[in-house]
Amino acid sequence: PGDVGRIVSRKPKDLWAVRLSIGTYLLDGKYFKALELE
């Protein structure tokens, strides 16, 4: 929790490919939220 990354692609059923500092992983949408940048 607290790791930041970027969405690379969207997969079916709320599954997202997310690029983190340690690699790109498929994560369900319930494990992350959009980061609000001010």
PDB file of all heavy atoms in Angstrom:
ATOM      1  N   PRO A   1       0.841  -1.202   0.000  1.00  0.00           N
ATOM      2  CA  PRO A   1       0.000   0.000   0.000  1.00  0.00           C
ATOM      3  C   PRO A   1       0.873   1.247   0.000  1.00  0.00           C
ATOM      4  O   PRO A   1       1.877   1.313   0.695  1.00  0.00           O
ATOM      5  CB  PRO A   1      -0.799  -0.102   1.296  1.00  0.00           C
ATOM      6  CG  PRO A   1      -0.781  -1.554   1.627  1.00  0.00           C
ATOM      7  CD  PRO A   1       0.531  -2.080   1.114  1.00  0.00           C
ATOM      8  N   GLY A   2       0.503   2.219  -0.815  1.00  0.00           N
ATOM      9  CA  GLY A   2       1.287   3.448  -0.922  1.00  0.00           C
ATOM     10  C   GLY A   2       2.170   3.483  -2.153  1.00  0.00           C
ATOM     11  O   GLY A   2       2.677   4.550  -2.519  1.00  0.00           O
ATOM     12  N   ASP A   3       2.382   2.334  -2.798  1.00  0.00           N
ATOM     13  CA  ASP A   3       3.161   2.326  -4.050  1.00  0.00           C
ATOM     14  C   ASP A   3       2.392   3.080  -5.128  1.00  0.00           C
ATOM     15  O   ASP A   3       1.171   3.029  -5.192  1.00  0.00           O
ATOM     16  CB  ASP A   3       3.408   0.893  -4.528  1.00  0.00           C
ATOM     17  CG  ASP A   3       4.436   0.153  -3.686  1.00  0.00           C
ATOM     18  OD1 ASP A   3       5.077   0.801  -2.842  1.00  0.00           O
ATOM     19  OD2 ASP A   3       4.571  -1.067  -3.878  1.00  0.00           O
ATOM     20  N   VAL A   4       3.122   3.785  -5.960  1.00  0.00           N
ATOM     21  CA  VAL A   4       2.496   4.528  -7.060  1.00  0.00           C
ATOM     22  C   VAL A   4       2.935   3.930  -8.387  1.00  0.00           C
ATOM     23  O   VAL A   4       3.997   3.323  -8.501  1.00  0.00           O
ATOM     24  CB  VAL A   4       2.842   6.036  -7.013  1.00  0.00           C
ATOM     25  CG1 VAL A   4       2.226   6.699  -5.801  1.00  0.00           C
ATOM     26  CG2 VAL A   4       4.331   6.260  -7.044  1.00  0.00           C
ATOM     27  N   GLY A   5       2.083   4.092  -9.370  1.00  0.00           N
ATOM     28  CA  GLY A   5       2.377   3.583 -10.701  1.00  0.00           C
ATOM     29  C   GLY A   5       1.501   4.249 -11.741  1.00  0.00           C
ATOM     30  O   GLY A   5       0.811   5.226 -11.456  1.00  0.00           O
ATOM     31  N   ARG A   6       1.545   3.704 -12.952  1.00  0.00           N
ATOM     32  CA  ARG A   6       0.764   4.238 -14.056  1.00  0.00           C
ATOM     33  C   ARG A   6       0.034   3.117 -14.766  1.00  0.00           C
ATOM     34  O   ARG A   6       0.542   2.014 -14.902  1.00  0.00           O
ATOM     35  CB  ARG A   6       1.694   4.932 -15.052  1.00  0.00           C
ATOM     36  CG  ARG A   6       1.286   6.347 -15.273  1.00  0.00           C
ATOM     37  CD  ARG A   6       2.250   7.098 -16.141  1.00  0.00           C
ATOM     38  NE  ARG A   6       2.789   8.261 -15.486  1.00  0.00           N
ATOM     39  CZ  ARG A   6       2.102   9.357 -15.240  1.00  0.00           C
ATOM     40  NH1 ARG A   6       0.848   9.432 -15.550  1.00  0.00           N
ATOM     41  NH2 ARG A   6       2.671  10.377 -14.662  1.00  0.00           N
ATOM     42  N   ILE A   7      -1.188   3.410 -15.222  1.00  0.00           N
ATOM     43  CA  ILE A   7      -1.974   2.422 -15.953  1.00  0.00           C
ATOM     44  C   ILE A   7      -1.425   2.295 -17.363  1.00  0.00           C
ATOM     45  O   ILE A   7      -1.234   3.290 -18.061  1.00  0.00           O
ATOM     46  CB  ILE A   7      -3.454   2.819 -15.979  1.00  0.00           C
ATOM     47  CG1 ILE A   7      -4.012   2.751 -14.571  1.00  0.00           C
ATOM     48  CG2 ILE A   7      -4.248   1.926 -16.921  1.00  0.00           C
ATOM     49  CD1 ILE A   7      -5.445   3.150 -14.438  1.00  0.00           C
ATOM     50  N   VAL A   8      -1.150   1.055 -17.763  1.00  0.00           N
ATOM     51  CA  VAL A   8      -0.613   0.781 -19.100  1.00  0.00           C
ATOM     52  C   VAL A   8      -1.740   0.378 -20.049  1.00  0.00           C
ATOM     53  O   VAL A   8      -1.783   0.820 -21.188  1.00  0.00           O
ATOM     54  CB  VAL A   8       0.460  -0.336 -19.029  1.00  0.00           C
ATOM     55  CG1 VAL A   8       0.963  -0.685 -20.404  1.00  0.00           C
ATOM     56  CG2 VAL A   8       1.599   0.091 -18.132  1.00  0.00           C
ATOM     57  N   SER A   9      -2.666  -0.475 -19.573  1.00  0.00           N
ATOM     58  CA  SER A   9      -3.788  -0.889 -20.420  1.00  0.00           C
ATOM     59  C   SER A   9      -4.939  -1.383 -19.554  1.00  0.00           C
ATOM     60  O   SER A   9      -4.775  -1.660 -18.370  1.00  0.00           O
ATOM     61  CB  SER A   9      -3.364  -1.983 -21.399  1.00  0.00           C
ATOM     62  OG  SER A   9      -3.068  -3.168 -20.719  1.00  0.00           O
ATOM     63  N   ARG A  10      -6.096  -1.487 -20.206  1.00  0.00           N
ATOM     64  CA  ARG A  10      -7.312  -1.968 -19.533  1.00  0.00           C
ATOM     65  C   ARG A  10      -7.635  -3.362 -20.034  1.00  0.00           C
ATOM     66  O   ARG A  10      -7.556  -3.634 -21.218  1.00  0.00           O
ATOM     67  CB  ARG A  10      -8.460  -1.011 -19.857  1.00  0.00           C
ATOM     68  CG  ARG A  10      -9.833  -1.512 -19.484  1.00  0.00           C
ATOM     69  CD  ARG A  10     -10.177  -1.090 -18.090  1.00  0.00           C
ATOM     70  NE  ARG A  10     -11.338  -1.805 -17.604  1.00  0.00           N
ATOM     71  CZ  ARG A  10     -12.482  -1.230 -17.301  1.00  0.00           C
ATOM     72  NH1 ARG A  10     -12.630   0.055 -17.471  1.00  0.00           N
ATOM     73  NH2 ARG A  10     -13.475  -1.947 -16.828  1.00  0.00           N
ATOM     74  N   LYS A  11      -7.980  -4.249 -19.138  1.00  0.00           N
ATOM     75  CA  LYS A  11      -8.378  -5.615 -19.469  1.00  0.00           C
ATOM     76  C   LYS A  11      -9.848  -5.791 -19.071  1.00  0.00           C
ATOM     77  O   LYS A  11     -10.400  -4.970 -18.348  1.00  0.00           O
ATOM     78  CB  LYS A  11      -7.502  -6.631 -18.711  1.00  0.00           C
ATOM     79  CG  LYS A  11      -6.017  -6.443 -18.915  1.00  0.00           C
ATOM     80  CD  LYS A  11      -5.612  -6.760 -20.323  1.00  0.00           C
ATOM     81  CE  LYS A  11      -4.107  -6.590 -20.471  1.00  0.00           C
ATOM     82  NZ  LYS A  11      -3.670  -6.684 -21.820  1.00  0.00           N
ATOM     83  N   PRO A  12     -10.496  -6.867 -19.498  1.00  0.00           N
ATOM     84  CA  PRO A  12     -11.903  -7.082 -19.125  1.00  0.00           C
ATOM     85  C   PRO A  12     -12.086  -7.268 -17.618  1.00  0.00           C
ATOM     86  O   PRO A  12     -11.173  -7.686 -16.913  1.00  0.00           O
ATOM     87  CB  PRO A  12     -12.277  -8.366 -19.864  1.00  0.00           C
ATOM     88  CG  PRO A  12     -11.286  -8.491 -20.969  1.00  0.00           C
ATOM     89  CD  PRO A  12     -10.029  -7.845 -20.472  1.00  0.00           C
ATOM     90  N   LYS A  13     -13.292  -6.949 -17.160  1.00  0.00           N
ATOM     91  CA  LYS A  13     -13.721  -7.155 -15.769  1.00  0.00           C
ATOM     92  C   LYS A  13     -12.886  -6.394 -14.751  1.00  0.00           C
ATOM     93  O   LYS A  13     -12.418  -6.961 -13.769  1.00  0.00           O
ATOM     94  CB  LYS A  13     -13.749  -8.636 -15.424  1.00  0.00           C
ATOM     95  CG  LYS A  13     -14.797  -9.391 -16.191  1.00  0.00           C
ATOM     96  CD  LYS A  13     -15.078 -10.692 -15.525  1.00  0.00           C
ATOM     97  CE  LYS A  13     -16.180 -11.375 -16.310  1.00  0.00           C
ATOM     98  NZ  LYS A  13     -16.778 -12.453 -15.593  1.00  0.00           N
ATOM     99  N   ASP A  14     -12.702  -5.124 -14.948  1.00  0.00           N
ATOM    100  CA  ASP A  14     -12.012  -4.242 -13.996  1.00  0.00           C
ATOM    101  C   ASP A  14     -10.609  -4.726 -13.658  1.00  0.00           C
ATOM    102  O   ASP A  14     -10.156  -4.654 -12.525  1.00  0.00           O
ATOM    103  CB  ASP A  14     -12.845  -4.080 -12.720  1.00  0.00           C
ATOM    104  CG  ASP A  14     -12.458  -2.839 -11.937  1.00  0.00           C
ATOM    105  OD1 ASP A  14     -12.045  -1.848 -12.560  1.00  0.00           O
ATOM    106  OD2 ASP A  14     -12.570  -2.853 -10.695  1.00  0.00           O
ATOM    107  N   LEU A  15      -9.924  -5.247 -14.637  1.00  0.00           N
ATOM    108  CA  LEU A  15      -8.533  -5.675 -14.484  1.00  0.00           C
ATOM    109  C   LEU A  15      -7.669  -4.693 -15.271  1.00  0.00           C
ATOM    110  O   LEU A  15      -7.993  -4.360 -16.408  1.00  0.00           O
ATOM    111  CB  LEU A  15      -8.358  -7.103 -15.011  1.00  0.00           C
ATOM    112  CG  LEU A  15      -7.063  -7.803 -14.658  1.00  0.00           C
ATOM    113  CD1 LEU A  15      -6.980  -8.036 -13.152  1.00  0.00           C
ATOM    114  CD2 LEU A  15      -6.980  -9.129 -15.380  1.00  0.00           C
ATOM    115  N   TRP A  16      -6.601  -4.241 -14.671  1.00  0.00           N
ATOM    116  CA  TRP A  16      -5.754  -3.214 -15.277  1.00  0.00           C
ATOM    117  C   TRP A  16      -4.301  -3.667 -15.269  1.00  0.00           C
ATOM    118  O   TRP A  16      -3.837  -4.269 -14.309  1.00  0.00           O
ATOM    119  CB  TRP A  16      -5.863  -1.912 -14.483  1.00  0.00           C
ATOM    120  CG  TRP A  16      -7.246  -1.378 -14.387  1.00  0.00           C
ATOM    121  CD1 TRP A  16      -8.212  -1.773 -13.513  1.00  0.00           C
ATOM    122  CD2 TRP A  16      -7.830  -0.359 -15.183  1.00  0.00           C
ATOM    123  NE1 TRP A  16      -9.355  -1.053 -13.709  1.00  0.00           N
ATOM    124  CE2 TRP A  16      -9.148  -0.170 -14.724  1.00  0.00           C
ATOM    125  CE3 TRP A  16      -7.366   0.435 -16.228  1.00  0.00           C
ATOM    126  CZ2 TRP A  16     -10.009   0.761 -15.281  1.00  0.00           C
ATOM    127  CZ3 TRP A  16      -8.216   1.361 -16.783  1.00  0.00           C
ATOM    128  CH2 TRP A  16      -9.516   1.523 -16.316  1.00  0.00           C
ATOM    129  N   ALA A  17      -3.581  -3.338 -16.324  1.00  0.00           N
ATOM    130  CA  ALA A  17      -2.134  -3.544 -16.359  1.00  0.00           C
ATOM    131  C   ALA A  17      -1.511  -2.261 -15.803  1.00  0.00           C
ATOM    132  O   ALA A  17      -1.717  -1.172 -16.341  1.00  0.00           O
ATOM    133  CB  ALA A  17      -1.656  -3.804 -17.778  1.00  0.00           C
ATOM    134  N   VAL A  18      -0.791  -2.407 -14.699  1.00  0.00           N
ATOM    135  CA  VAL A  18      -0.233  -1.253 -13.989  1.00  0.00           C
ATOM    136  C   VAL A  18       1.283  -1.361 -13.966  1.00  0.00           C
ATOM    137  O   VAL A  18       1.843  -2.380 -13.573  1.00  0.00           O
ATOM    138  CB  VAL A  18      -0.797  -1.186 -12.550  1.00  0.00           C
ATOM    139  CG1 VAL A  18      -0.171  -0.034 -11.788  1.00  0.00           C
ATOM    140  CG2 VAL A  18      -2.300  -1.061 -12.569  1.00  0.00           C
ATOM    141  N   ARG A  19       1.951  -0.300 -14.403  1.00  0.00           N
ATOM    142  CA  ARG A  19       3.414  -0.239 -14.387  1.00  0.00           C
ATOM    143  C   ARG A  19       3.855   0.345 -13.052  1.00  0.00           C
ATOM    144  O   ARG A  19       3.569   1.495 -12.715  1.00  0.00           O
ATOM    145  CB  ARG A  19       3.912   0.635 -15.538  1.00  0.00           C
ATOM    146  CG  ARG A  19       5.395   0.866 -15.556  1.00  0.00           C
ATOM    147  CD  ARG A  19       6.105  -0.352 -16.043  1.00  0.00           C
ATOM    148  NE  ARG A  19       7.538  -0.096 -16.029  1.00  0.00           N
ATOM    149  CZ  ARG A  19       8.433  -1.023 -15.828  1.00  0.00           C
ATOM    150  NH1 ARG A  19       8.064  -2.262 -15.674  1.00  0.00           N
ATOM    151  NH2 ARG A  19       9.698  -0.735 -15.810  1.00  0.00           N
ATOM    152  N   LEU A  20       4.523  -0.488 -12.259  1.00  0.00           N
ATOM    153  CA  LEU A  20       5.082  -0.061 -10.978  1.00  0.00           C
ATOM    154  C   LEU A  20       6.597   0.005 -11.105  1.00  0.00           C
ATOM    155  O   LEU A  20       7.159  -0.357 -12.143  1.00  0.00           O
ATOM    156  CB  LEU A  20       4.680  -1.049  -9.878  1.00  0.00           C
ATOM    157  CG  LEU A  20       3.175  -1.222  -9.661  1.00  0.00           C
ATOM    158  CD1 LEU A  20       2.905  -2.407  -8.760  1.00  0.00           C
ATOM    159  CD2 LEU A  20       2.588   0.037  -9.072  1.00  0.00           C
ATOM    160  N   SER A  21       7.289   0.422 -10.060  1.00  0.00           N
ATOM    161  CA  SER A  21       8.749   0.526 -10.116  1.00  0.00           C
ATOM    162  C   SER A  21       9.405  -0.853 -10.234  1.00  0.00           C
ATOM    163  O   SER A  21      10.520  -0.966 -10.725  1.00  0.00           O
ATOM    164  CB  SER A  21       9.273   1.246  -8.871  1.00  0.00           C
ATOM    165  OG  SER A  21       8.918   0.516  -7.715  1.00  0.00           O
ATOM    166  N   ILE A  22       8.707  -1.920  -9.812  1.00  0.00           N
ATOM    167  CA  ILE A  22       9.293  -3.262  -9.853  1.00  0.00           C
ATOM    168  C   ILE A  22       8.864  -4.068 -11.077  1.00  0.00           C
ATOM    169  O   ILE A  22       9.286  -5.200 -11.253  1.00  0.00           O
ATOM    170  CB  ILE A  22       8.928  -4.044  -8.577  1.00  0.00           C
ATOM    171  CG1 ILE A  22       7.418  -4.118  -8.441  1.00  0.00           C
ATOM    172  CG2 ILE A  22       9.569  -3.435  -7.371  1.00  0.00           C
ATOM    173  CD1 ILE A  22       6.940  -5.091  -7.404  1.00  0.00           C
ATOM    174  N   GLY A  23       8.008  -3.497 -11.916  1.00  0.00           N
ATOM    175  CA  GLY A  23       7.554  -4.201 -13.109  1.00  0.00           C
ATOM    176  C   GLY A  23       6.093  -3.906 -13.420  1.00  0.00           C
ATOM    177  O   GLY A  23       5.445  -3.126 -12.731  1.00  0.00           O
ATOM    178  N   THR A  24       5.563  -4.546 -14.452  1.00  0.00           N
ATOM    179  CA  THR A  24       4.177  -4.351 -14.860  1.00  0.00           C
ATOM    180  C   THR A  24       3.353  -5.556 -14.412  1.00  0.00           C
ATOM    181  O   THR A  24       3.700  -6.699 -14.709  1.00  0.00           O
ATOM    182  CB  THR A  24       4.079  -4.176 -16.386  1.00  0.00           C
ATOM    183  OG1 THR A  24       4.939  -3.105 -16.779  1.00  0.00           O
ATOM    184  CG2 THR A  24       2.663  -3.854 -16.812  1.00  0.00           C
ATOM    185  N   TYR A  25       2.261  -5.281 -13.689  1.00  0.00           N
ATOM    186  CA  TYR A  25       1.427  -6.333 -13.116  1.00  0.00           C
ATOM    187  C   TYR A  25      -0.031  -6.105 -13.459  1.00  0.00           C
ATOM    188  O   TYR A  25      -0.465  -4.963 -13.670  1.00  0.00           O
ATOM    189  CB  TYR A  25       1.599  -6.378 -11.595  1.00  0.00           C
ATOM    190  CG  TYR A  25       2.975  -6.816 -11.185  1.00  0.00           C
ATOM    191  CD1 TYR A  25       3.983  -5.890 -10.933  1.00  0.00           C
ATOM    192  CD2 TYR A  25       3.285  -8.161 -11.082  1.00  0.00           C
ATOM    193  CE1 TYR A  25       5.252  -6.300 -10.580  1.00  0.00           C
ATOM    194  CE2 TYR A  25       4.552  -8.586 -10.728  1.00  0.00           C
ATOM    195  CZ  TYR A  25       5.527  -7.643 -10.480  1.00  0.00           C
ATOM    196  OH  TYR A  25       6.784  -8.056 -10.140  1.00  0.00           O
ATOM    197  N   LEU A  26      -0.797  -7.196 -13.496  1.00  0.00           N
ATOM    198  CA  LEU A  26      -2.241  -7.118 -13.687  1.00  0.00           C
ATOM    199  C   LEU A  26      -2.889  -7.030 -12.312  1.00  0.00           C
ATOM    200  O   LEU A  26      -2.717  -7.917 -11.483  1.00  0.00           O
ATOM    201  CB  LEU A  26      -2.754  -8.361 -14.420  1.00  0.00           C
ATOM    202  CG  LEU A  26      -2.244  -8.538 -15.847  1.00  0.00           C
ATOM    203  CD1 LEU A  26      -2.714  -9.869 -16.402  1.00  0.00           C
ATOM    204  CD2 LEU A  26      -2.712  -7.403 -16.725  1.00  0.00           C
ATOM    205  N   LEU A  27      -3.608  -5.940 -12.066  1.00  0.00           N
ATOM    206  CA  LEU A  27      -4.227  -5.721 -10.761  1.00  0.00           C
ATOM    207  C   LEU A  27      -5.716  -5.444 -10.923  1.00  0.00           C
ATOM    208  O   LEU A  27      -6.131  -4.761 -11.859  1.00  0.00           O
ATOM    209  CB  LEU A  27      -3.577  -4.534 -10.041  1.00  0.00           C
ATOM    210  CG  LEU A  27      -2.097  -4.654  -9.684  1.00  0.00           C
ATOM    211  CD1 LEU A  27      -1.605  -3.354  -9.065  1.00  0.00           C
ATOM    212  CD2 LEU A  27      -1.885  -5.802  -8.730  1.00  0.00           C
ATOM    213  N   ASP A  28      -6.498  -5.949  -9.985  1.00  0.00           N
ATOM    214  CA  ASP A  28      -7.924  -5.666  -9.939  1.00  0.00           C
ATOM    215  C   ASP A  28      -8.115  -4.219  -9.483  1.00  0.00           C
ATOM    216  O   ASP A  28      -7.324  -3.692  -8.704  1.00  0.00           O
ATOM    217  CB  ASP A  28      -8.584  -6.634  -8.950  1.00  0.00           C
ATOM    218  CG  ASP A  28     -10.073  -6.711  -9.139  1.00  0.00           C
ATOM    219  OD1 ASP A  28     -10.685  -5.692  -9.519  1.00  0.00           O
ATOM    220  OD2 ASP A  28     -10.635  -7.794  -8.918  1.00  0.00           O
ATOM    221  N   GLY A  29      -9.180  -3.590  -9.947  1.00  0.00           N
ATOM    222  CA  GLY A  29      -9.428  -2.189  -9.626  1.00  0.00           C
ATOM    223  C   GLY A  29      -9.669  -1.903  -8.171  1.00  0.00           C
ATOM    224  O   GLY A  29      -9.561  -0.752  -7.732  1.00  0.00           O
ATOM    225  N   LYS A  30      -9.988  -2.922  -7.359  1.00  0.00           N
ATOM    226  CA  LYS A  30     -10.239  -2.678  -5.938  1.00  0.00           C
ATOM    227  C   LYS A  30      -8.963  -2.462  -5.145  1.00  0.00           C
ATOM    228  O   LYS A  30      -9.020  -2.013  -4.006  1.00  0.00           O
ATOM    229  CB  LYS A  30     -11.040  -3.832  -5.335  1.00  0.00           C
ATOM    230  CG  LYS A  30     -10.304  -5.148  -5.295  1.00  0.00           C
ATOM    231  CD  LYS A  30     -11.183  -6.238  -4.740  1.00  0.00           C
ATOM    232  CE  LYS A  30     -10.447  -7.567  -4.758  1.00  0.00           C
ATOM    233  NZ  LYS A  30     -11.305  -8.652  -4.310  1.00  0.00           N
ATOM    234  N   TYR A  31      -7.811  -2.759  -5.725  1.00  0.00           N
ATOM    235  CA  TYR A  31      -6.546  -2.623  -5.009  1.00  0.00           C
ATOM    236  C   TYR A  31      -5.882  -1.262  -5.178  1.00  0.00           C
ATOM    237  O   TYR A  31      -4.884  -0.987  -4.530  1.00  0.00           O
ATOM    238  CB  TYR A  31      -5.562  -3.704  -5.451  1.00  0.00           C
ATOM    239  CG  TYR A  31      -6.009  -5.091  -5.091  1.00  0.00           C
ATOM    240  CD1 TYR A  31      -6.297  -6.026  -6.063  1.00  0.00           C
ATOM    241  CD2 TYR A  31      -6.165  -5.467  -3.761  1.00  0.00           C
ATOM    242  CE1 TYR A  31      -6.718  -7.299  -5.737  1.00  0.00           C
ATOM    243  CE2 TYR A  31      -6.585  -6.736  -3.414  1.00  0.00           C
ATOM    244  CZ  TYR A  31      -6.861  -7.649  -4.407  1.00  0.00           C
ATOM    245  OH  TYR A  31      -7.292  -8.906  -4.076  1.00  0.00           O
ATOM    246  N   PHE A  32      -6.417  -0.398  -6.044  1.00  0.00           N
ATOM    247  CA  PHE A  32      -5.801   0.910  -6.232  1.00  0.00           C
ATOM    248  C   PHE A  32      -6.871   1.948  -6.538  1.00  0.00           C
ATOM    249  O   PHE A  32      -8.028   1.617  -6.793  1.00  0.00           O
ATOM    250  CB  PHE A  32      -4.751   0.882  -7.349  1.00  0.00           C
ATOM    251  CG  PHE A  32      -5.289   0.515  -8.699  1.00  0.00           C
ATOM    252  CD1 PHE A  32      -5.789   1.479  -9.559  1.00  0.00           C
ATOM    253  CD2 PHE A  32      -5.287  -0.802  -9.125  1.00  0.00           C
ATOM    254  CE1 PHE A  32      -6.272   1.145 -10.790  1.00  0.00           C
ATOM    255  CE2 PHE A  32      -5.762  -1.151 -10.362  1.00  0.00           C
ATOM    256  CZ  PHE A  32      -6.263  -0.169 -11.199  1.00  0.00           C
ATOM    257  N   LYS A  33      -6.470   3.210  -6.477  1.00  0.00           N
ATOM    258  CA  LYS A  33      -7.358   4.313  -6.841  1.00  0.00           C
ATOM    259  C   LYS A  33      -6.554   5.346  -7.616  1.00  0.00           C
ATOM    260  O   LYS A  33      -5.313   5.321  -7.619  1.00  0.00           O
ATOM    261  CB  LYS A  33      -7.997   4.943  -5.604  1.00  0.00           C
ATOM    262  CG  LYS A  33      -7.028   5.653  -4.706  1.00  0.00           C
ATOM    263  CD  LYS A  33      -7.733   6.296  -3.536  1.00  0.00           C
ATOM    264  CE  LYS A  33      -6.727   7.085  -2.701  1.00  0.00           C
ATOM    265  NZ  LYS A  33      -7.354   7.806  -1.632  1.00  0.00           N
ATOM    266  N   ALA A  34      -7.266   6.226  -8.286  1.00  0.00           N
ATOM    267  CA  ALA A  34      -6.604   7.269  -9.067  1.00  0.00           C
ATOM    268  C   ALA A  34      -5.857   8.205  -8.122  1.00  0.00           C
ATOM    269  O   ALA A  34      -6.342   8.553  -7.044  1.00  0.00           O
ATOM    270  CB  ALA A  34      -7.629   8.043  -9.883  1.00  0.00           C
ATOM    271  N   LEU A  35      -4.678   8.595  -8.515  1.00  0.00           N
ATOM    272  CA  LEU A  35      -3.862   9.502  -7.705  1.00  0.00           C
ATOM    273  C   LEU A  35      -4.214  10.931  -8.105  1.00  0.00           C
ATOM    274  O   LEU A  35      -4.141  11.283  -9.290  1.00  0.00           O
ATOM    275  CB  LEU A  35      -2.375   9.212  -7.940  1.00  0.00           C
ATOM    276  CG  LEU A  35      -1.381  10.036  -7.151  1.00  0.00           C
ATOM    277  CD1 LEU A  35      -1.547   9.787  -5.659  1.00  0.00           C
ATOM    278  CD2 LEU A  35       0.021   9.710  -7.571  1.00  0.00           C
ATOM    279  N   GLU A  36      -4.635  11.714  -7.132  1.00  0.00           N
ATOM    280  CA  GLU A  36      -4.995  13.112  -7.384  1.00  0.00           C
ATOM    281  C   GLU A  36      -3.725  13.958  -7.327  1.00  0.00           C
ATOM    282  O   GLU A  36      -3.104  14.074  -6.279  1.00  0.00           O
ATOM    283  CB  GLU A  36      -5.989  13.587  -6.325  1.00  0.00           C
ATOM    284  CG  GLU A  36      -7.210  12.714  -6.170  1.00  0.00           C
ATOM    285  CD  GLU A  36      -8.276  13.031  -7.179  1.00  0.00           C
ATOM    286  OE1 GLU A  36      -8.324  14.183  -7.649  1.00  0.00           O
ATOM    287  OE2 GLU A  36      -9.060  12.120  -7.512  1.00  0.00           O
ATOM    288  N   LEU A  37      -3.334  14.510  -8.443  1.00  0.00           N
ATOM    289  CA  LEU A  37      -2.152  15.370  -8.507  1.00  0.00           C
ATOM    290  C   LEU A  37      -2.585  16.819  -8.445  1.00  0.00           C
ATOM    291  O   LEU A  37      -3.419  17.265  -9.237  1.00  0.00           O
ATOM    292  CB  LEU A  37      -1.364  15.122  -9.789  1.00  0.00           C
ATOM    293  CG  LEU A  37      -0.767  13.722  -9.946  1.00  0.00           C
ATOM    294  CD1 LEU A  37      -0.093  13.595 -11.298  1.00  0.00           C
ATOM    295  CD2 LEU A  37       0.232  13.464  -8.847  1.00  0.00           C
ATOM    296  N   GLU A  38      -2.049  17.573  -7.502  1.00  0.00           N
ATOM    297  CA  GLU A  38      -2.358  18.993  -7.393  1.00  0.00           C
ATOM    298  C   GLU A  38      -1.264  19.782  -8.060  1.00  0.00           C
ATOM    299  O   GLU A  38      -0.087  19.493  -7.911  1.00  0.00           O
ATOM    300  CB  GLU A  38      -2.494  19.386  -5.920  1.00  0.00           C
ATOM    301  CG  GLU A  38      -3.660  18.700  -5.238  1.00  0.00           C
ATOM    302  CD  GLU A  38      -3.820  19.161  -3.806  1.00  0.00           C
ATOM    303  OE1 GLU A  38      -3.274  20.219  -3.453  1.00  0.00           O
ATOM    304  OE2 GLU A  38      -4.489  18.454  -3.054  1.00  0.00           O
TER     305      GLU A  38
END
